[in-house]
Amino acid sequence: MASRSAQEKEWRTQSDLETLSRAAEIQNDRTRMTAVQKHAAKQVANLNKVAAPAKAKAPAKKRGK
């Protein structure tokens, strides 16, 4: 019987293979990739809204010695 860590490594390897296979499948499907890109653009826009207030703040003044 394989050790637990060997079993976990085998499971992780199989899972990684499945993930990469799905990614390749999606990348080769124009309709799905277009949908993913649109969704990603929306997510970026939402994150920029959250980050914008942090960007707008003036940098803290450095104290002299």
PDB file of N, CA and C in Angstrom:
ATOM      1  N   MET A   1       0.853  -1.189   0.000  1.00  0.00           N
ATOM      2  CA  MET A   1       0.000   0.000   0.000  1.00  0.00           C
ATOM      3  C   MET A   1       0.893   1.244   0.000  1.00  0.00           C
ATOM      4  N   ALA A   2       0.529   2.229  -0.787  1.00  0.00           N
ATOM      5  CA  ALA A   2       1.298   3.470  -0.872  1.00  0.00           C
ATOM      6  C   ALA A   2       1.100   4.305   0.390  1.00  0.00           C
ATOM      7  N   SER A   3       2.141   5.052   0.734  1.00  0.00           N
ATOM      8  CA  SER A   3       2.023   5.905   1.916  1.00  0.00           C
ATOM      9  C   SER A   3       1.044   7.036   1.640  1.00  0.00           C
ATOM     10  N   ARG A   4       0.592   7.660   2.712  1.00  0.00           N
ATOM     11  CA  ARG A   4      -0.389   8.747   2.581  1.00  0.00           C
ATOM     12  C   ARG A   4       0.165   9.876   1.712  1.00  0.00           C
ATOM     13  N   SER A   5       1.414  10.269   1.943  1.00  0.00           N
ATOM     14  CA  SER A   5       1.980  11.359   1.152  1.00  0.00           C
ATOM     15  C   SER A   5       2.113  10.966  -0.322  1.00  0.00           C
ATOM     16  N   ALA A   6       2.412   9.720  -0.592  1.00  0.00           N
ATOM     17  CA  ALA A   6       2.494   9.248  -1.975  1.00  0.00           C
ATOM     18  C   ALA A   6       1.106   9.273  -2.615  1.00  0.00           C
ATOM     19  N   GLN A   7       0.080   8.883  -1.852  1.00  0.00           N
ATOM     20  CA  GLN A   7      -1.296   8.917  -2.357  1.00  0.00           C
ATOM     21  C   GLN A   7      -1.731  10.360  -2.618  1.00  0.00           C
ATOM     22  N   GLU A   8      -1.374  11.256  -1.716  1.00  0.00           N
ATOM     23  CA  GLU A   8      -1.727  12.663  -1.886  1.00  0.00           C
ATOM     24  C   GLU A   8      -1.032  13.248  -3.116  1.00  0.00           C
ATOM     25  N   LYS A   9       0.230  12.880  -3.309  1.00  0.00           N
ATOM     26  CA  LYS A   9       0.978  13.360  -4.477  1.00  0.00           C
ATOM     27  C   LYS A   9       0.330  12.839  -5.759  1.00  0.00           C
ATOM     28  N   GLU A  10      -0.055  11.585  -5.762  1.00  0.00           N
ATOM     29  CA  GLU A  10      -0.711  10.995  -6.936  1.00  0.00           C
ATOM     30  C   GLU A  10      -2.043  11.697  -7.202  1.00  0.00           C
ATOM     31  N   TRP A  11      -2.823  11.951  -6.146  1.00  0.00           N
ATOM     32  CA  TRP A  11      -4.113  12.627  -6.307  1.00  0.00           C
ATOM     33  C   TRP A  11      -3.903  14.041  -6.840  1.00  0.00           C
ATOM     34  N   ARG A  12      -2.924  14.758  -6.273  1.00  0.00           N
ATOM     35  CA  ARG A  12      -2.651  16.130  -6.714  1.00  0.00           C
ATOM     36  C   ARG A  12      -2.213  16.149  -8.177  1.00  0.00           C
ATOM     37  N   THR A  13      -1.395  15.194  -8.558  1.00  0.00           N
ATOM     38  CA  THR A  13      -0.939  15.106  -9.942  1.00  0.00           C
ATOM     39  C   THR A  13      -2.115  14.861 -10.882  1.00  0.00           C
ATOM     40  N   GLN A  14      -3.008  13.949 -10.513  1.00  0.00           N
ATOM     41  CA  GLN A  14      -4.191  13.664 -11.329  1.00  0.00           C
ATOM     42  C   GLN A  14      -5.084  14.895 -11.413  1.00  0.00           C
ATOM     43  N   SER A  15      -5.287  15.577 -10.289  1.00  0.00           N
ATOM     44  CA  SER A  15      -6.108  16.782 -10.270  1.00  0.00           C
ATOM     45  C   SER A  15      -5.505  17.882 -11.140  1.00  0.00           C
ATOM     46  N   ASP A  16      -4.184  18.044 -11.062  1.00  0.00           N
ATOM     47  CA  ASP A  16      -3.504  19.041 -11.892  1.00  0.00           C
ATOM     48  C   ASP A  16      -3.669  18.728 -13.377  1.00  0.00           C
ATOM     49  N   LEU A  17      -3.565  17.477 -13.728  1.00  0.00           N
ATOM     50  CA  LEU A  17      -3.749  17.067 -15.123  1.00  0.00           C
ATOM     51  C   LEU A  17      -5.154  17.401 -15.605  1.00  0.00           C
ATOM     52  N   GLU A  18      -6.136  17.107 -14.778  1.00  0.00           N
ATOM     53  CA  GLU A  18      -7.521  17.418 -15.145  1.00  0.00           C
ATOM     54  C   GLU A  18      -7.721  18.929 -15.294  1.00  0.00           C
ATOM     55  N   THR A  19      -7.111  19.704 -14.399  1.00  0.00           N
ATOM     56  CA  THR A  19      -7.210  21.165 -14.468  1.00  0.00           C
ATOM     57  C   THR A  19      -6.599  21.686 -15.759  1.00  0.00           C
ATOM     58  N   LEU A  20      -5.412  21.205 -16.095  1.00  0.00           N
ATOM     59  CA  LEU A  20      -4.754  21.649 -17.322  1.00  0.00           C
ATOM     60  C   LEU A  20      -5.526  21.214 -18.571  1.00  0.00           C
ATOM     61  N   SER A  21      -6.109  20.041 -18.513  1.00  0.00           N
ATOM     62  CA  SER A  21      -6.913  19.562 -19.648  1.00  0.00           C
ATOM     63  C   SER A  21      -8.138  20.448 -19.851  1.00  0.00           C
ATOM     64  N   ARG A  22      -8.798  20.813 -18.748  1.00  0.00           N
ATOM     65  CA  ARG A  22      -9.964  21.707 -18.842  1.00  0.00           C
ATOM     66  C   ARG A  22      -9.564  23.086 -19.340  1.00  0.00           C
ATOM     67  N   ALA A  23      -8.418  23.581 -18.875  1.00  0.00           N
ATOM     68  CA  ALA A  23      -7.956  24.894 -19.324  1.00  0.00           C
ATOM     69  C   ALA A  23      -7.709  24.888 -20.827  1.00  0.00           C
ATOM     70  N   ALA A  24      -7.072  23.840 -21.325  1.00  0.00           N
ATOM     71  CA  ALA A  24      -6.808  23.743 -22.755  1.00  0.00           C
ATOM     72  C   ALA A  24      -8.115  23.661 -23.542  1.00  0.00           C
ATOM     73  N   GLU A  25      -9.071  22.918 -23.010  1.00  0.00           N
ATOM     74  CA  GLU A  25     -10.376  22.788 -23.652  1.00  0.00           C
ATOM     75  C   GLU A  25     -11.062  24.156 -23.755  1.00  0.00           C
ATOM     76  N   ILE A  26     -11.010  24.925 -22.693  1.00  0.00           N
ATOM     77  CA  ILE A  26     -11.630  26.251 -22.672  1.00  0.00           C
ATOM     78  C   ILE A  26     -10.898  27.188 -23.624  1.00  0.00           C
ATOM     79  N   GLN A  27      -9.575  27.164 -23.597  1.00  0.00           N
ATOM     80  CA  GLN A  27      -8.784  28.043 -24.458  1.00  0.00           C
ATOM     81  C   GLN A  27      -9.017  27.770 -25.934  1.00  0.00           C
ATOM     82  N   ASN A  28      -9.350  26.552 -26.280  1.00  0.00           N
ATOM     83  CA  ASN A  28      -9.586  26.190 -27.680  1.00  0.00           C
ATOM     84  C   ASN A  28     -11.029  26.424 -28.126  1.00  0.00           C
ATOM     85  N   ASP A  29     -11.881  26.887 -27.220  1.00  0.00           N
ATOM     86  CA  ASP A  29     -13.290  27.145 -27.532  1.00  0.00           C
ATOM     87  C   ASP A  29     -13.507  28.658 -27.542  1.00  0.00           C
ATOM     88  N   ARG A  30     -13.630  29.232 -28.739  1.00  0.00           N
ATOM     89  CA  ARG A  30     -13.746  30.689 -28.874  1.00  0.00           C
ATOM     90  C   ARG A  30     -14.898  31.276 -28.067  1.00  0.00           C
ATOM     91  N   THR A  31     -16.040  30.623 -28.099  1.00  0.00           N
ATOM     92  CA  THR A  31     -17.211  31.132 -27.383  1.00  0.00           C
ATOM     93  C   THR A  31     -16.941  31.203 -25.885  1.00  0.00           C
ATOM     94  N   ARG A  32     -16.368  30.150 -25.348  1.00  0.00           N
ATOM     95  CA  ARG A  32     -16.077  30.119 -23.917  1.00  0.00           C
ATOM     96  C   ARG A  32     -14.996  31.132 -23.546  1.00  0.00           C
ATOM     97  N   MET A  33     -13.966  31.242 -24.381  1.00  0.00           N
ATOM     98  CA  MET A  33     -12.892  32.195 -24.088  1.00  0.00           C
ATOM     99  C   MET A  33     -13.406  33.631 -24.136  1.00  0.00           C
ATOM    100  N   THR A  34     -14.294  33.928 -25.088  1.00  0.00           N
ATOM    101  CA  THR A  34     -14.868  35.268 -25.162  1.00  0.00           C
ATOM    102  C   THR A  34     -15.651  35.570 -23.900  1.00  0.00           C
ATOM    103  N   ALA A  35     -16.436  34.606 -23.443  1.00  0.00           N
ATOM    104  CA  ALA A  35     -17.213  34.787 -22.213  1.00  0.00           C
ATOM    105  C   ALA A  35     -16.291  34.976 -21.010  1.00  0.00           C
ATOM    106  N   VAL A  36     -15.223  34.218 -20.949  1.00  0.00           N
ATOM    107  CA  VAL A  36     -14.269  34.328 -19.847  1.00  0.00           C
ATOM    108  C   VAL A  36     -13.610  35.702 -19.865  1.00  0.00           C
ATOM    109  N   GLN A  37     -13.226  36.169 -21.040  1.00  0.00           N
ATOM    110  CA  GLN A  37     -12.569  37.471 -21.144  1.00  0.00           C
ATOM    111  C   GLN A  37     -13.505  38.602 -20.735  1.00  0.00           C
ATOM    112  N   LYS A  38     -14.765  38.514 -21.127  1.00  0.00           N
ATOM    113  CA  LYS A  38     -15.739  39.530 -20.723  1.00  0.00           C
ATOM    114  C   LYS A  38     -15.929  39.516 -19.209  1.00  0.00           C
ATOM    115  N   HIS A  39     -16.029  38.330 -18.657  1.00  0.00           N
ATOM    116  CA  HIS A  39     -16.201  38.201 -17.211  1.00  0.00           C
ATOM    117  C   HIS A  39     -14.974  38.745 -16.471  1.00  0.00           C
ATOM    118  N   ALA A  40     -13.805  38.425 -16.978  1.00  0.00           N
ATOM    119  CA  ALA A  40     -12.568  38.905 -16.352  1.00  0.00           C
ATOM    120  C   ALA A  40     -12.498  40.427 -16.403  1.00  0.00           C
ATOM    121  N   ALA A  41     -12.927  41.023 -17.518  1.00  0.00           N
ATOM    122  CA  ALA A  41     -12.918  42.481 -17.638  1.00  0.00           C
ATOM    123  C   ALA A  41     -13.842  43.116 -16.599  1.00  0.00           C
ATOM    124  N   LYS A  42     -15.004  42.508 -16.379  1.00  0.00           N
ATOM    125  CA  LYS A  42     -15.927  43.011 -15.362  1.00  0.00           C
ATOM    126  C   LYS A  42     -15.296  42.916 -13.968  1.00  0.00           C
ATOM    127  N   GLN A  43     -14.627  41.810 -13.709  1.00  0.00           N
ATOM    128  CA  GLN A  43     -13.986  41.624 -12.406  1.00  0.00           C
ATOM    129  C   GLN A  43     -12.881  42.661 -12.196  1.00  0.00           C
ATOM    130  N   VAL A  44     -12.109  42.932 -13.231  1.00  0.00           N
ATOM    131  CA  VAL A  44     -11.048  43.937 -13.137  1.00  0.00           C
ATOM    132  C   VAL A  44     -11.659  45.303 -12.850  1.00  0.00           C
ATOM    133  N   ALA A  45     -12.744  45.634 -13.540  1.00  0.00           N
ATOM    134  CA  ALA A  45     -13.408  46.919 -13.322  1.00  0.00           C
ATOM    135  C   ALA A  45     -13.899  47.026 -11.882  1.00  0.00           C
ATOM    136  N   ASN A  46     -14.478  45.968 -11.361  1.00  0.00           N
ATOM    137  CA  ASN A  46     -14.945  45.976  -9.970  1.00  0.00           C
ATOM    138  C   ASN A  46     -13.786  46.121  -8.988  1.00  0.00           C
ATOM    139  N   LEU A  47     -12.698  45.432  -9.249  1.00  0.00           N
ATOM    140  CA  LEU A  47     -11.533  45.543  -8.370  1.00  0.00           C
ATOM    141  C   LEU A  47     -10.918  46.939  -8.435  1.00  0.00           C
ATOM    142  N   ASN A  48     -10.931  47.531  -9.612  1.00  0.00           N
ATOM    143  CA  ASN A  48     -10.406  48.889  -9.747  1.00  0.00           C
ATOM    144  C   ASN A  48     -11.247  49.882  -8.949  1.00  0.00           C
ATOM    145  N   LYS A  49     -12.554  49.660  -8.880  1.00  0.00           N
ATOM    146  CA  LYS A  49     -13.417  50.529  -8.081  1.00  0.00           C
ATOM    147  C   LYS A  49     -13.040  50.440  -6.603  1.00  0.00           C
ATOM    148  N   VAL A  50     -12.739  49.247  -6.164  1.00  0.00           N
ATOM    149  CA  VAL A  50     -12.364  49.034  -4.766  1.00  0.00           C
ATOM    150  C   VAL A  50     -10.985  49.641  -4.493  1.00  0.00           C
ATOM    151  N   ALA A  51     -10.078  49.490  -5.436  1.00  0.00           N
ATOM    152  CA  ALA A  51      -8.709  49.960  -5.249  1.00  0.00           C
ATOM    153  C   ALA A  51      -8.577  51.465  -5.477  1.00  0.00           C
ATOM    154  N   ALA A  52      -9.495  52.068  -6.219  1.00  0.00           N
ATOM    155  CA  ALA A  52      -9.383  53.487  -6.558  1.00  0.00           C
ATOM    156  C   ALA A  52      -9.266  54.390  -5.337  1.00  0.00           C
ATOM    157  N   PRO A  53     -10.067  54.208  -4.289  1.00  0.00           N
ATOM    158  CA  PRO A  53      -9.915  55.072  -3.118  1.00  0.00           C
ATOM    159  C   PRO A  53      -8.519  54.983  -2.495  1.00  0.00           C
ATOM    160  N   ALA A  54      -7.939  53.801  -2.518  1.00  0.00           N
ATOM    161  CA  ALA A  54      -6.593  53.632  -1.961  1.00  0.00           C
ATOM    162  C   ALA A  54      -5.571  54.377  -2.816  1.00  0.00           C
ATOM    163  N   LYS A  55      -5.758  54.401  -4.115  1.00  0.00           N
ATOM    164  CA  LYS A  55      -4.849  55.108  -5.011  1.00  0.00           C
ATOM    165  C   LYS A  55      -4.970  56.609  -4.822  1.00  0.00           C
ATOM    166  N   ALA A  56      -6.179  57.080  -4.521  1.00  0.00           N
ATOM    167  CA  ALA A  56      -6.437  58.510  -4.429  1.00  0.00           C
ATOM    168  C   ALA A  56      -5.837  59.128  -3.166  1.00  0.00           C
ATOM    169  N   LYS A  57      -5.575  58.334  -2.155  1.00  0.00           N
ATOM    170  CA  LYS A  57      -5.021  58.862  -0.912  1.00  0.00           C
ATOM    171  C   LYS A  57      -3.610  59.399  -1.162  1.00  0.00           C
ATOM    172  N   ALA A  58      -3.327  60.514  -0.524  1.00  0.00           N
ATOM    173  CA  ALA A  58      -1.978  61.074  -0.612  1.00  0.00           C
ATOM    174  C   ALA A  58      -1.036  60.196   0.202  1.00  0.00           C
ATOM    175  N   PRO A  59       0.200  60.057  -0.250  1.00  0.00           N
ATOM    176  CA  PRO A  59       1.140  59.253   0.527  1.00  0.00           C
ATOM    177  C   PRO A  59       1.402  59.890   1.898  1.00  0.00           C
ATOM    178  N   ALA A  60       1.649  59.074   2.862  1.00  0.00           N
ATOM    179  CA  ALA A  60       1.914  59.562   4.215  1.00  0.00           C
ATOM    180  C   ALA A  60       3.226  60.349   4.215  1.00  0.00           C
ATOM    181  N   LYS A  61       3.228  61.439   5.003  1.00  0.00           N
ATOM    182  CA  LYS A  61       4.438  62.259   5.082  1.00  0.00           C
ATOM    183  C   LYS A  61       5.459  61.544   5.951  1.00  0.00           C
ATOM    184  N   LYS A  62       6.712  61.639   5.530  1.00  0.00           N
ATOM    185  CA  LYS A  62       7.792  61.022   6.301  1.00  0.00           C
ATOM    186  C   LYS A  62       8.187  61.960   7.420  1.00  0.00           C
ATOM    187  N   ARG A  63       8.404  61.404   8.567  1.00  0.00           N
ATOM    188  CA  ARG A  63       8.832  62.197   9.715  1.00  0.00           C
ATOM    189  C   ARG A  63      10.348  62.373   9.666  1.00  0.00           C
ATOM    190  N   GLY A  64      10.781  63.568   9.963  1.00  0.00           N
ATOM    191  CA  GLY A  64      12.229  63.826  10.003  1.00  0.00           C
ATOM    192  C   GLY A  64      12.831  63.314  11.286  1.00  0.00           C
ATOM    193  N   LYS A  65      14.128  63.085  11.278  1.00  0.00           N
ATOM    194  CA  LYS A  65      14.815  62.559  12.478  1.00  0.00           C
ATOM    195  C   LYS A  65      15.205  63.667  13.389  1.00  0.00           C
TER     196      LYS A  65
END
